[in-house]
């Protein structure tokens, strides 16, 4: 029985403690027949304590992750990546390039070549006839 109570207490204080769970935990911790005010105060104290511990744990985990990332070295943060992306876009604009890495003039000339190729006849029979008649003569 004591082990179960201890397990419930630890789970409640380390996990997400709902008001209903906190109230049940407070009732279990207090003597049977405790005043409602005492149960309400203990419930509020448990909720506050649980919230503070979650905040402390979150802060600890964030700090530990940041320390480990610094120790690894060579890993860029999201803000550093965003700054680099912005710098690359600015440099591409200054160089007259598109997002694909091609220059705008190269893009236009490619489009022009595609239009020109589409207009040209590609019939092999005309090429064969004209080259065949030249070789006959």
C-alpha atoms as a PDB file:
ATOM      1  CA  UNK A   1       0.000   0.000   0.000  1.00  0.00           C
ATOM      2  CA  UNK A   2       2.764   2.469   0.851  1.00  0.00           C
ATOM      3  CA  UNK A   3       4.608   1.644  -2.391  1.00  0.00           C
ATOM      4  CA  UNK A   4       1.460   2.322  -4.427  1.00  0.00           C
ATOM      5  CA  UNK A   5       0.982   5.656  -2.684  1.00  0.00           C
ATOM      6  CA  UNK A   6       4.598   6.584  -3.298  1.00  0.00           C
ATOM      7  CA  UNK A   7       4.327   5.558  -6.968  1.00  0.00           C
ATOM      8  CA  UNK A   8       1.167   7.672  -7.407  1.00  0.00           C
ATOM      9  CA  UNK A   9       2.865  10.628  -5.741  1.00  0.00           C
ATOM     10  CA  UNK A  10       5.963  10.429  -7.931  1.00  0.00           C
ATOM     11  CA  UNK A  11       3.930   9.928 -11.109  1.00  0.00           C
ATOM     12  CA  UNK A  12       1.716  12.863 -10.207  1.00  0.00           C
ATOM     13  CA  UNK A  13       4.585  15.178  -9.426  1.00  0.00           C
ATOM     14  CA  UNK A  14       6.757  14.267 -12.391  1.00  0.00           C
ATOM     15  CA  UNK A  15       4.064  13.837 -15.009  1.00  0.00           C
ATOM     16  CA  UNK A  16       1.338  16.180 -16.120  1.00  0.00           C
ATOM     17  CA  UNK A  17      -0.767  16.593 -13.049  1.00  0.00           C
ATOM     18  CA  UNK A  18      -4.380  17.390 -13.784  1.00  0.00           C
ATOM     19  CA  UNK A  19      -6.539  19.110 -11.160  1.00  0.00           C
ATOM     20  CA  UNK A  20      -8.563  15.903 -10.729  1.00  0.00           C
ATOM     21  CA  UNK A  21      -5.428  13.820 -10.174  1.00  0.00           C
ATOM     22  CA  UNK A  22      -4.047  16.437  -7.790  1.00  0.00           C
ATOM     23  CA  UNK A  23      -7.254  16.408  -5.762  1.00  0.00           C
ATOM     24  CA  UNK A  24      -7.248  12.617  -5.556  1.00  0.00           C
ATOM     25  CA  UNK A  25      -3.572  12.645  -4.567  1.00  0.00           C
ATOM     26  CA  UNK A  26      -4.266  15.264  -1.881  1.00  0.00           C
ATOM     27  CA  UNK A  27      -7.140  13.174  -0.487  1.00  0.00           C
ATOM     28  CA  UNK A  28      -4.890  10.104  -0.411  1.00  0.00           C
ATOM     29  CA  UNK A  29      -2.116  12.016   1.367  1.00  0.00           C
ATOM     30  CA  UNK A  30      -4.314  13.610   4.026  1.00  0.00           C
ATOM     31  CA  UNK A  31      -6.027  11.891   6.907  1.00  0.00           C
ATOM     32  CA  UNK A  32      -9.486  10.515   6.218  1.00  0.00           C
ATOM     33  CA  UNK A  33     -12.140  13.128   6.901  1.00  0.00           C
ATOM     34  CA  UNK A  34      -9.806  16.098   6.310  1.00  0.00           C
ATOM     35  CA  UNK A  35     -11.535  19.422   5.817  1.00  0.00           C
ATOM     36  CA  UNK A  36     -12.391  20.451   2.254  1.00  0.00           C
ATOM     37  CA  UNK A  37     -10.286  23.592   2.680  1.00  0.00           C
ATOM     38  CA  UNK A  38      -7.267  21.471   3.604  1.00  0.00           C
ATOM     39  CA  UNK A  39      -7.804  19.217   0.549  1.00  0.00           C
ATOM     40  CA  UNK A  40      -8.195  22.299  -1.711  1.00  0.00           C
ATOM     41  CA  UNK A  41      -5.020  23.914  -0.351  1.00  0.00           C
ATOM     42  CA  UNK A  42      -3.029  20.690  -0.698  1.00  0.00           C
ATOM     43  CA  UNK A  43      -4.390  20.248  -4.237  1.00  0.00           C
ATOM     44  CA  UNK A  44      -3.312  23.795  -5.176  1.00  0.00           C
ATOM     45  CA  UNK A  45       0.114  23.242  -3.622  1.00  0.00           C
ATOM     46  CA  UNK A  46       0.580  19.998  -5.551  1.00  0.00           C
ATOM     47  CA  UNK A  47      -0.434  21.644  -8.844  1.00  0.00           C
ATOM     48  CA  UNK A  48       1.947  24.554  -8.260  1.00  0.00           C
ATOM     49  CA  UNK A  49       4.779  22.233  -7.255  1.00  0.00           C
ATOM     50  CA  UNK A  50       4.187  20.042 -10.308  1.00  0.00           C
ATOM     51  CA  UNK A  51       4.159  23.064 -12.631  1.00  0.00           C
ATOM     52  CA  UNK A  52       7.408  24.424 -11.157  1.00  0.00           C
ATOM     53  CA  UNK A  53       9.098  21.034 -11.517  1.00  0.00           C
ATOM     54  CA  UNK A  54       8.033  20.743 -15.174  1.00  0.00           C
ATOM     55  CA  UNK A  55       9.468  24.219 -15.810  1.00  0.00           C
ATOM     56  CA  UNK A  56      12.724  23.326 -14.049  1.00  0.00           C
ATOM     57  CA  UNK A  57      13.000  20.073 -15.984  1.00  0.00           C
ATOM     58  CA  UNK A  58      12.317  21.830 -19.306  1.00  0.00           C
ATOM     59  CA  UNK A  59      14.932  24.476 -18.545  1.00  0.00           C
ATOM     60  CA  UNK A  60      17.443  21.804 -17.590  1.00  0.00           C
ATOM     61  CA  UNK A  61      16.814  19.807 -20.771  1.00  0.00           C
ATOM     62  CA  UNK A  62      17.085  22.916 -23.004  1.00  0.00           C
ATOM     63  CA  UNK A  63      20.331  23.962 -21.310  1.00  0.00           C
ATOM     64  CA  UNK A  64      21.763  20.455 -21.593  1.00  0.00           C
ATOM     65  CA  UNK A  65      20.881  20.236 -25.295  1.00  0.00           C
ATOM     66  CA  UNK A  66      22.461  23.641 -25.946  1.00  0.00           C
ATOM     67  CA  UNK A  67      25.614  22.597 -24.081  1.00  0.00           C
ATOM     68  CA  UNK A  68      25.838  19.350 -26.028  1.00  0.00           C
ATOM     69  CA  UNK A  69      25.341  21.146 -29.347  1.00  0.00           C
ATOM     70  CA  UNK A  70      28.158  23.557 -28.467  1.00  0.00           C
ATOM     71  CA  UNK A  71      30.379  20.629 -27.484  1.00  0.00           C
ATOM     72  CA  UNK A  72      29.735  18.901 -30.811  1.00  0.00           C
ATOM     73  CA  UNK A  73      30.774  21.998 -32.732  1.00  0.00           C
ATOM     74  CA  UNK A  74      30.132  22.654 -36.396  1.00  0.00           C
ATOM     75  CA  UNK A  75      26.353  22.443 -36.002  1.00  0.00           C
ATOM     76  CA  UNK A  76      24.520  25.589 -37.025  1.00  0.00           C
ATOM     77  CA  UNK A  77      21.552  26.887 -35.091  1.00  0.00           C
ATOM     78  CA  UNK A  78      18.246  27.649 -36.832  1.00  0.00           C
ATOM     79  CA  UNK A  79      18.903  31.389 -36.619  1.00  0.00           C
ATOM     80  CA  UNK A  80      22.328  30.912 -38.236  1.00  0.00           C
ATOM     81  CA  UNK A  81      20.755  28.852 -41.042  1.00  0.00           C
ATOM     82  CA  UNK A  82      18.078  31.504 -41.598  1.00  0.00           C
ATOM     83  CA  UNK A  83      20.732  34.225 -41.778  1.00  0.00           C
ATOM     84  CA  UNK A  84      22.718  32.206 -44.336  1.00  0.00           C
ATOM     85  CA  UNK A  85      19.621  31.586 -46.465  1.00  0.00           C
ATOM     86  CA  UNK A  86      18.865  35.299 -46.482  1.00  0.00           C
ATOM     87  CA  UNK A  87      22.455  36.103 -47.420  1.00  0.00           C
ATOM     88  CA  UNK A  88      22.423  33.602 -50.302  1.00  0.00           C
ATOM     89  CA  UNK A  89      19.129  35.034 -51.619  1.00  0.00           C
ATOM     90  CA  UNK A  90      20.552  38.553 -51.447  1.00  0.00           C
ATOM     91  CA  UNK A  91      23.713  37.477 -53.275  1.00  0.00           C
ATOM     92  CA  UNK A  92      21.669  35.669 -55.936  1.00  0.00           C
ATOM     93  CA  UNK A  93      19.536  38.751 -56.495  1.00  0.00           C
ATOM     94  CA  UNK A  94      22.641  40.919 -56.735  1.00  0.00           C
ATOM     95  CA  UNK A  95      24.156  38.510 -59.267  1.00  0.00           C
ATOM     96  CA  UNK A  96      20.924  38.372 -61.265  1.00  0.00           C
ATOM     97  CA  UNK A  97      20.330  34.701 -60.584  1.00  0.00           C
ATOM     98  CA  UNK A  98      17.146  32.728 -60.060  1.00  0.00           C
ATOM     99  CA  UNK A  99      16.419  30.376 -57.174  1.00  0.00           C
ATOM    100  CA  UNK A 100      17.539  27.392 -59.279  1.00  0.00           C
ATOM    101  CA  UNK A 101      21.021  28.877 -59.537  1.00  0.00           C
ATOM    102  CA  UNK A 102      20.840  29.888 -63.189  1.00  0.00           C
ATOM    103  CA  UNK A 103      21.327  33.449 -64.263  1.00  0.00           C
ATOM    104  CA  UNK A 104      18.241  35.202 -65.557  1.00  0.00           C
ATOM    105  CA  UNK A 105      19.885  35.705 -68.967  1.00  0.00           C
ATOM    106  CA  UNK A 106      20.644  31.963 -69.214  1.00  0.00           C
ATOM    107  CA  UNK A 107      17.033  31.212 -68.351  1.00  0.00           C
ATOM    108  CA  UNK A 108      15.826  33.545 -71.128  1.00  0.00           C
ATOM    109  CA  UNK A 109      18.211  32.073 -73.699  1.00  0.00           C
ATOM    110  CA  UNK A 110      17.083  28.539 -72.799  1.00  0.00           C
ATOM    111  CA  UNK A 111      13.464  29.545 -73.292  1.00  0.00           C
ATOM    112  CA  UNK A 112      14.344  31.180 -76.609  1.00  0.00           C
ATOM    113  CA  UNK A 113      16.140  28.015 -77.773  1.00  0.00           C
ATOM    114  CA  UNK A 114      13.141  25.889 -76.853  1.00  0.00           C
ATOM    115  CA  UNK A 115      10.781  28.168 -78.817  1.00  0.00           C
ATOM    116  CA  UNK A 116      13.112  28.193 -81.819  1.00  0.00           C
ATOM    117  CA  UNK A 117      13.477  24.409 -81.742  1.00  0.00           C
ATOM    118  CA  UNK A 118       9.721  23.984 -81.623  1.00  0.00           C
ATOM    119  CA  UNK A 119       9.272  26.170 -84.734  1.00  0.00           C
ATOM    120  CA  UNK A 120      11.908  24.313 -86.828  1.00  0.00           C
ATOM    121  CA  UNK A 121      10.711  21.364 -88.897  1.00  0.00           C
ATOM    122  CA  UNK A 122      12.445  18.175 -87.805  1.00  0.00           C
ATOM    123  CA  UNK A 123      11.353  15.960 -90.679  1.00  0.00           C
ATOM    124  CA  UNK A 124      14.091  13.480 -91.645  1.00  0.00           C
ATOM    125  CA  UNK A 125      12.624  12.997 -95.101  1.00  0.00           C
ATOM    126  CA  UNK A 126      13.457  16.589 -96.111  1.00  0.00           C
ATOM    127  CA  UNK A 127      17.015  16.245 -94.814  1.00  0.00           C
ATOM    128  CA  UNK A 128      17.482  12.892 -96.584  1.00  0.00           C
ATOM    129  CA  UNK A 129      16.025  14.145 -99.872  1.00  0.00           C
ATOM    130  CA  UNK A 130      18.170  17.238 -99.983  1.00  0.00           C
ATOM    131  CA  UNK A 131      21.343  15.362 -98.978  1.00  0.00           C
ATOM    132  CA  UNK A 132      20.488  12.467-101.290  1.00  0.00           C
ATOM    133  CA  UNK A 133      20.042  14.727-104.307  1.00  0.00           C
ATOM    134  CA  UNK A 134      23.317  16.485-103.594  1.00  0.00           C
ATOM    135  CA  UNK A 135      25.217  13.205-103.556  1.00  0.00           C
ATOM    136  CA  UNK A 136      23.577  12.017-106.824  1.00  0.00           C
ATOM    137  CA  UNK A 137      24.717  15.039-108.794  1.00  0.00           C
END
